[in-house]
Amino acid sequence: MDLIDIILYTLALYVIQLFLQEVSHYGLNLGQILGSRDNPPELNPTAARLDRARNNMLEALPIFLGLALSALVLQGRTGPAVSGATVFLIARILYVPLYGFGVPVLRSVAWLTAMGGMLQMALSLVS
C-alpha cells in the first residue's frame, strides 16, 4: 500500500464509522433516518460508544491528513511516513470494535498505537 491508498482507506473508515453510529442509534428505521430528527431516540450504550469513537476519529483526522499530505508532497507515495500511516490505519480499524464493544484497556492501547503512528509520520517529516 502506498500513502494515497492509506489516506483513502482512512477516509473510508470514517465513512463506515458514520454509518455504524447512525445504524446503532436509529436501527434500520428509514422513517427515522430520513426524517427531520427533531426528537431523536436516546442513545443506547453501544450507540454512545460508537458516537464517541466517531468523534475521536473526527479529532484525529485533520492531524493525520495534514501529516499524510505533507509526507505525500515531501516524500512521495512510498516515503518513510508510509509505515507510520499504516500503523495509524490498522490501529484505528481495531479501535472501532474495541470501543464499540466497550473493551477498556485494549481500546486505549489501540488509540495510543494510532497516536504513535502519527508521531512516526511527524518524525519522518523532520528528519
N, C-alpha and C. Protein backbone atom coordinates (compact mmCIF):
# COMPACT_ATOMS: atom_id res chain seq x y z
N MET A 1 0.84 -1.19 0.00
CA MET A 1 0.00 0.00 0.00
C MET A 1 0.88 1.24 0.00
N ASP A 2 0.46 2.21 -0.76
CA ASP A 2 1.18 3.48 -0.72
C ASP A 2 0.35 4.50 0.08
N LEU A 3 0.89 5.68 0.20
CA LEU A 3 0.28 6.69 1.07
C LEU A 3 -1.12 7.11 0.60
N ILE A 4 -1.31 7.19 -0.70
CA ILE A 4 -2.65 7.56 -1.20
C ILE A 4 -3.67 6.49 -0.83
N ASP A 5 -3.29 5.22 -0.95
CA ASP A 5 -4.19 4.13 -0.55
C ASP A 5 -4.57 4.27 0.92
N ILE A 6 -3.58 4.53 1.76
CA ILE A 6 -3.84 4.63 3.21
C ILE A 6 -4.75 5.81 3.51
N ILE A 7 -4.54 6.93 2.83
CA ILE A 7 -5.43 8.09 3.02
C ILE A 7 -6.86 7.71 2.64
N LEU A 8 -7.02 7.07 1.51
CA LEU A 8 -8.37 6.69 1.05
C LEU A 8 -9.01 5.67 1.99
N TYR A 9 -8.25 4.70 2.46
CA TYR A 9 -8.80 3.71 3.41
C TYR A 9 -9.18 4.38 4.73
N THR A 10 -8.39 5.35 5.16
CA THR A 10 -8.70 6.05 6.40
C THR A 10 -9.99 6.85 6.25
N LEU A 11 -10.16 7.50 5.13
CA LEU A 11 -11.41 8.23 4.88
C LEU A 11 -12.59 7.27 4.78
N ALA A 12 -12.38 6.12 4.16
CA ALA A 12 -13.44 5.10 4.09
C ALA A 12 -13.80 4.61 5.49
N LEU A 13 -12.80 4.44 6.34
CA LEU A 13 -13.07 4.03 7.72
C LEU A 13 -13.94 5.06 8.42
N TYR A 14 -13.68 6.33 8.20
CA TYR A 14 -14.51 7.37 8.82
C TYR A 14 -15.95 7.28 8.32
N VAL A 15 -16.14 7.06 7.03
CA VAL A 15 -17.50 6.92 6.48
C VAL A 15 -18.19 5.70 7.11
N ILE A 16 -17.46 4.60 7.27
CA ILE A 16 -18.01 3.41 7.92
C ILE A 16 -18.41 3.73 9.35
N GLN A 17 -17.59 4.50 10.04
CA GLN A 17 -17.92 4.89 11.41
C GLN A 17 -19.19 5.74 11.45
N LEU A 18 -19.36 6.63 10.49
CA LEU A 18 -20.59 7.42 10.41
C LEU A 18 -21.80 6.50 10.26
N PHE A 19 -21.68 5.53 9.36
CA PHE A 19 -22.77 4.58 9.12
C PHE A 19 -23.07 3.76 10.37
N LEU A 20 -22.03 3.23 11.01
CA LEU A 20 -22.23 2.40 12.20
C LEU A 20 -22.90 3.19 13.32
N GLN A 21 -22.49 4.43 13.49
CA GLN A 21 -23.07 5.25 14.55
C GLN A 21 -24.53 5.51 14.26
N GLU A 22 -24.87 5.82 13.02
CA GLU A 22 -26.27 6.09 12.67
C GLU A 22 -27.13 4.84 12.85
N VAL A 23 -26.64 3.70 12.38
CA VAL A 23 -27.41 2.46 12.48
C VAL A 23 -27.56 2.05 13.95
N SER A 24 -26.52 2.24 14.75
CA SER A 24 -26.63 1.87 16.16
C SER A 24 -27.60 2.79 16.90
N HIS A 25 -27.76 3.99 16.40
CA HIS A 25 -28.66 4.97 17.03
C HIS A 25 -30.11 4.79 16.56
N TYR A 26 -30.30 4.70 15.26
CA TYR A 26 -31.65 4.66 14.69
C TYR A 26 -32.08 3.27 14.23
N GLY A 27 -31.17 2.30 14.26
CA GLY A 27 -31.50 0.99 13.70
C GLY A 27 -31.65 1.12 12.19
N LEU A 28 -32.44 0.29 11.61
CA LEU A 28 -32.68 0.37 10.17
C LEU A 28 -34.04 0.99 9.88
N ASN A 29 -34.51 1.85 10.79
CA ASN A 29 -35.79 2.53 10.64
C ASN A 29 -35.61 3.70 9.68
N LEU A 30 -35.95 3.49 8.40
CA LEU A 30 -35.75 4.53 7.40
C LEU A 30 -36.56 5.79 7.69
N GLY A 31 -37.71 5.63 8.32
CA GLY A 31 -38.50 6.80 8.68
C GLY A 31 -37.74 7.73 9.60
N GLN A 32 -37.05 7.17 10.58
CA GLN A 32 -36.26 7.99 11.49
C GLN A 32 -34.99 8.49 10.82
N ILE A 33 -34.34 7.63 10.04
CA ILE A 33 -33.09 8.04 9.39
C ILE A 33 -33.34 9.17 8.40
N LEU A 34 -34.41 9.06 7.63
CA LEU A 34 -34.70 10.07 6.60
C LEU A 34 -35.53 11.23 7.11
N GLY A 35 -36.04 11.13 8.33
CA GLY A 35 -36.89 12.17 8.88
C GLY A 35 -36.13 13.39 9.34
N SER A 36 -36.84 14.27 10.02
CA SER A 36 -36.25 15.54 10.45
C SER A 36 -35.33 15.39 11.66
N ARG A 37 -35.44 14.30 12.37
CA ARG A 37 -34.63 14.03 13.56
C ARG A 37 -34.82 15.08 14.65
N ASP A 38 -36.02 15.65 14.72
CA ASP A 38 -36.31 16.64 15.76
C ASP A 38 -36.33 16.01 17.14
N ASN A 39 -36.75 14.76 17.25
CA ASN A 39 -36.83 14.06 18.52
C ASN A 39 -36.09 12.72 18.42
N PRO A 40 -34.75 12.77 18.39
CA PRO A 40 -34.01 11.52 18.24
C PRO A 40 -34.18 10.64 19.48
N PRO A 41 -34.11 9.32 19.29
CA PRO A 41 -34.18 8.44 20.45
C PRO A 41 -32.93 8.59 21.31
N GLU A 42 -33.04 8.24 22.57
CA GLU A 42 -31.90 8.29 23.47
C GLU A 42 -30.87 7.26 23.01
N LEU A 43 -29.60 7.62 23.12
CA LEU A 43 -28.54 6.71 22.70
C LEU A 43 -28.44 5.53 23.66
N ASN A 44 -28.40 4.32 23.11
CA ASN A 44 -28.10 3.16 23.95
C ASN A 44 -26.60 3.15 24.19
N PRO A 45 -26.09 2.34 25.11
CA PRO A 45 -24.65 2.37 25.42
C PRO A 45 -23.75 2.12 24.21
N THR A 46 -24.12 1.18 23.34
CA THR A 46 -23.29 0.91 22.16
C THR A 46 -23.29 2.11 21.22
N ALA A 47 -24.45 2.70 20.98
CA ALA A 47 -24.53 3.87 20.11
C ALA A 47 -23.72 5.03 20.70
N ALA A 48 -23.76 5.19 22.01
CA ALA A 48 -22.99 6.27 22.66
C ALA A 48 -21.49 6.03 22.48
N ARG A 49 -21.05 4.76 22.63
CA ARG A 49 -19.63 4.46 22.44
C ARG A 49 -19.21 4.69 20.99
N LEU A 50 -20.04 4.25 20.04
CA LEU A 50 -19.71 4.46 18.62
C LEU A 50 -19.73 5.94 18.27
N ASP A 51 -20.57 6.72 18.91
CA ASP A 51 -20.58 8.16 18.71
C ASP A 51 -19.28 8.78 19.21
N ARG A 52 -18.82 8.34 20.38
CA ARG A 52 -17.55 8.86 20.91
C ARG A 52 -16.38 8.42 20.04
N ALA A 53 -16.42 7.19 19.52
CA ALA A 53 -15.35 6.71 18.63
C ALA A 53 -15.31 7.54 17.35
N ARG A 54 -16.49 7.87 16.82
CA ARG A 54 -16.58 8.71 15.62
C ARG A 54 -16.02 10.10 15.90
N ASN A 55 -16.41 10.67 17.05
CA ASN A 55 -15.89 11.99 17.42
C ASN A 55 -14.38 11.95 17.58
N ASN A 56 -13.87 10.88 18.14
CA ASN A 56 -12.43 10.75 18.31
C ASN A 56 -11.73 10.71 16.96
N MET A 57 -12.31 9.97 16.00
CA MET A 57 -11.72 9.93 14.66
C MET A 57 -11.78 11.30 14.01
N LEU A 58 -12.89 12.01 14.24
CA LEU A 58 -13.02 13.36 13.69
C LEU A 58 -11.94 14.28 14.24
N GLU A 59 -11.55 14.09 15.49
CA GLU A 59 -10.47 14.89 16.08
C GLU A 59 -9.10 14.51 15.51
N ALA A 60 -8.89 13.22 15.26
CA ALA A 60 -7.59 12.76 14.77
C ALA A 60 -7.41 12.98 13.27
N LEU A 61 -8.51 13.00 12.53
CA LEU A 61 -8.43 13.06 11.07
C LEU A 61 -7.69 14.27 10.52
N PRO A 62 -7.92 15.49 11.01
CA PRO A 62 -7.16 16.62 10.46
C PRO A 62 -5.65 16.50 10.69
N ILE A 63 -5.27 15.98 11.84
CA ILE A 63 -3.84 15.81 12.13
C ILE A 63 -3.26 14.77 11.18
N PHE A 64 -3.94 13.62 11.08
CA PHE A 64 -3.47 12.56 10.18
C PHE A 64 -3.37 13.07 8.74
N LEU A 65 -4.43 13.72 8.26
CA LEU A 65 -4.43 14.20 6.88
C LEU A 65 -3.35 15.25 6.64
N GLY A 66 -3.14 16.13 7.61
CA GLY A 66 -2.08 17.12 7.48
C GLY A 66 -0.71 16.45 7.35
N LEU A 67 -0.47 15.47 8.22
CA LEU A 67 0.81 14.75 8.15
C LEU A 67 0.92 13.95 6.85
N ALA A 68 -0.15 13.28 6.48
CA ALA A 68 -0.12 12.43 5.28
C ALA A 68 0.07 13.26 4.01
N LEU A 69 -0.63 14.37 3.91
CA LEU A 69 -0.49 15.21 2.72
C LEU A 69 0.88 15.88 2.68
N SER A 70 1.39 16.27 3.84
CA SER A 70 2.75 16.82 3.88
C SER A 70 3.77 15.78 3.44
N ALA A 71 3.60 14.56 3.94
CA ALA A 71 4.51 13.48 3.55
C ALA A 71 4.39 13.17 2.07
N LEU A 72 3.19 13.23 1.54
CA LEU A 72 2.99 12.96 0.12
C LEU A 72 3.74 13.98 -0.73
N VAL A 73 3.68 15.24 -0.33
CA VAL A 73 4.38 16.29 -1.08
C VAL A 73 5.89 16.17 -0.92
N LEU A 74 6.34 15.93 0.31
CA LEU A 74 7.78 15.94 0.57
C LEU A 74 8.48 14.61 0.27
N GLN A 75 7.75 13.49 0.42
CA GLN A 75 8.39 12.18 0.30
C GLN A 75 7.85 11.33 -0.83
N GLY A 76 6.71 11.67 -1.35
CA GLY A 76 6.09 10.87 -2.40
C GLY A 76 5.20 9.79 -1.82
N ARG A 77 4.67 8.96 -2.70
CA ARG A 77 3.68 7.95 -2.32
C ARG A 77 4.24 6.83 -1.46
N THR A 78 5.55 6.59 -1.53
CA THR A 78 6.13 5.45 -0.82
C THR A 78 7.24 5.86 0.15
N GLY A 79 7.19 7.08 0.64
CA GLY A 79 8.24 7.58 1.52
C GLY A 79 8.18 6.97 2.91
N PRO A 80 9.07 7.41 3.79
CA PRO A 80 9.18 6.86 5.14
C PRO A 80 7.92 6.99 6.00
N ALA A 81 7.06 7.95 5.71
CA ALA A 81 5.85 8.14 6.52
C ALA A 81 4.82 7.03 6.31
N VAL A 82 4.98 6.22 5.27
CA VAL A 82 4.00 5.18 4.97
C VAL A 82 3.87 4.19 6.13
N SER A 83 4.96 3.84 6.76
CA SER A 83 4.88 2.88 7.86
C SER A 83 4.08 3.45 9.03
N GLY A 84 4.28 4.71 9.36
CA GLY A 84 3.51 5.34 10.42
C GLY A 84 2.04 5.45 10.06
N ALA A 85 1.76 5.77 8.79
CA ALA A 85 0.37 5.87 8.34
C ALA A 85 -0.31 4.50 8.38
N THR A 86 0.44 3.45 8.05
CA THR A 86 -0.09 2.09 8.12
C THR A 86 -0.43 1.71 9.55
N VAL A 87 0.46 2.05 10.48
CA VAL A 87 0.20 1.79 11.89
C VAL A 87 -1.05 2.53 12.34
N PHE A 88 -1.18 3.79 11.93
CA PHE A 88 -2.36 4.58 12.28
C PHE A 88 -3.63 3.90 11.79
N LEU A 89 -3.65 3.52 10.52
CA LEU A 89 -4.84 2.92 9.92
C LEU A 89 -5.22 1.61 10.61
N ILE A 90 -4.26 0.73 10.80
CA ILE A 90 -4.56 -0.56 11.42
C ILE A 90 -5.06 -0.36 12.85
N ALA A 91 -4.41 0.52 13.59
CA ALA A 91 -4.83 0.77 14.98
C ALA A 91 -6.23 1.36 15.02
N ARG A 92 -6.55 2.25 14.08
CA ARG A 92 -7.88 2.85 14.07
C ARG A 92 -8.94 1.84 13.66
N ILE A 93 -8.60 0.92 12.77
CA ILE A 93 -9.54 -0.14 12.41
C ILE A 93 -9.85 -1.00 13.63
N LEU A 94 -8.84 -1.31 14.41
CA LEU A 94 -9.04 -2.11 15.63
C LEU A 94 -9.78 -1.31 16.71
N TYR A 95 -9.54 -0.02 16.75
CA TYR A 95 -10.12 0.85 17.76
C TYR A 95 -11.66 0.85 17.72
N VAL A 96 -12.23 0.85 16.52
CA VAL A 96 -13.69 0.96 16.39
C VAL A 96 -14.43 -0.18 17.09
N PRO A 97 -14.14 -1.45 16.78
CA PRO A 97 -14.87 -2.50 17.51
C PRO A 97 -14.50 -2.58 18.98
N LEU A 98 -13.24 -2.28 19.31
CA LEU A 98 -12.86 -2.30 20.72
C LEU A 98 -13.65 -1.27 21.52
N TYR A 99 -13.83 -0.09 20.95
CA TYR A 99 -14.61 0.94 21.62
C TYR A 99 -16.10 0.58 21.58
N GLY A 100 -16.57 0.12 20.44
CA GLY A 100 -17.98 -0.22 20.30
C GLY A 100 -18.43 -1.30 21.28
N PHE A 101 -17.56 -2.29 21.51
CA PHE A 101 -17.90 -3.37 22.45
C PHE A 101 -17.50 -3.04 23.88
N GLY A 102 -16.92 -1.88 24.10
CA GLY A 102 -16.59 -1.44 25.46
C GLY A 102 -15.41 -2.16 26.08
N VAL A 103 -14.39 -2.49 25.28
CA VAL A 103 -13.20 -3.15 25.80
C VAL A 103 -12.25 -2.06 26.30
N PRO A 104 -12.10 -1.92 27.64
CA PRO A 104 -11.44 -0.73 28.16
C PRO A 104 -9.94 -0.61 27.87
N VAL A 105 -9.11 -1.54 28.25
CA VAL A 105 -7.66 -1.36 28.16
C VAL A 105 -7.17 -1.46 26.72
N LEU A 106 -7.64 -2.45 25.99
CA LEU A 106 -7.20 -2.62 24.60
C LEU A 106 -7.60 -1.44 23.72
N ARG A 107 -8.76 -0.84 24.03
CA ARG A 107 -9.18 0.35 23.28
C ARG A 107 -8.14 1.45 23.44
N SER A 108 -7.66 1.65 24.66
CA SER A 108 -6.66 2.68 24.91
C SER A 108 -5.33 2.34 24.25
N VAL A 109 -4.98 1.07 24.23
CA VAL A 109 -3.74 0.64 23.56
C VAL A 109 -3.84 0.92 22.06
N ALA A 110 -5.00 0.63 21.46
CA ALA A 110 -5.20 0.92 20.03
C ALA A 110 -5.09 2.41 19.77
N TRP A 111 -5.69 3.23 20.64
CA TRP A 111 -5.62 4.68 20.48
C TRP A 111 -4.17 5.16 20.56
N LEU A 112 -3.46 4.69 21.58
CA LEU A 112 -2.05 5.09 21.74
C LEU A 112 -1.20 4.64 20.55
N THR A 113 -1.49 3.46 20.04
CA THR A 113 -0.75 2.95 18.87
C THR A 113 -1.00 3.85 17.67
N ALA A 114 -2.26 4.26 17.47
CA ALA A 114 -2.57 5.17 16.36
C ALA A 114 -1.83 6.50 16.53
N MET A 115 -1.80 7.01 17.75
CA MET A 115 -1.06 8.24 18.01
C MET A 115 0.43 8.06 17.73
N GLY A 116 0.95 6.88 18.10
CA GLY A 116 2.34 6.56 17.80
C GLY A 116 2.61 6.54 16.31
N GLY A 117 1.65 6.05 15.54
CA GLY A 117 1.79 6.07 14.08
C GLY A 117 1.89 7.49 13.55
N MET A 118 1.06 8.39 14.11
CA MET A 118 1.14 9.79 13.67
C MET A 118 2.46 10.42 14.11
N LEU A 119 2.93 10.05 15.29
CA LEU A 119 4.24 10.57 15.74
C LEU A 119 5.34 10.09 14.79
N GLN A 120 5.28 8.83 14.40
CA GLN A 120 6.25 8.29 13.46
C GLN A 120 6.19 9.06 12.14
N MET A 121 4.99 9.39 11.69
CA MET A 121 4.85 10.18 10.47
C MET A 121 5.50 11.55 10.63
N ALA A 122 5.22 12.20 11.77
CA ALA A 122 5.77 13.54 12.01
C ALA A 122 7.29 13.51 12.08
N LEU A 123 7.82 12.51 12.76
CA LEU A 123 9.28 12.41 12.87
C LEU A 123 9.92 12.18 11.52
N SER A 124 9.25 11.45 10.63
CA SER A 124 9.82 11.22 9.30
C SER A 124 9.86 12.52 8.49
N LEU A 125 9.01 13.46 8.87
CA LEU A 125 9.00 14.74 8.14
C LEU A 125 10.09 15.71 8.60
N VAL A 126 10.52 15.55 9.84
CA VAL A 126 11.51 16.49 10.37
C VAL A 126 12.94 15.97 10.29
N SER A 127 13.09 14.70 9.96
CA SER A 127 14.47 14.17 9.91
C SER A 127 15.06 14.21 8.55
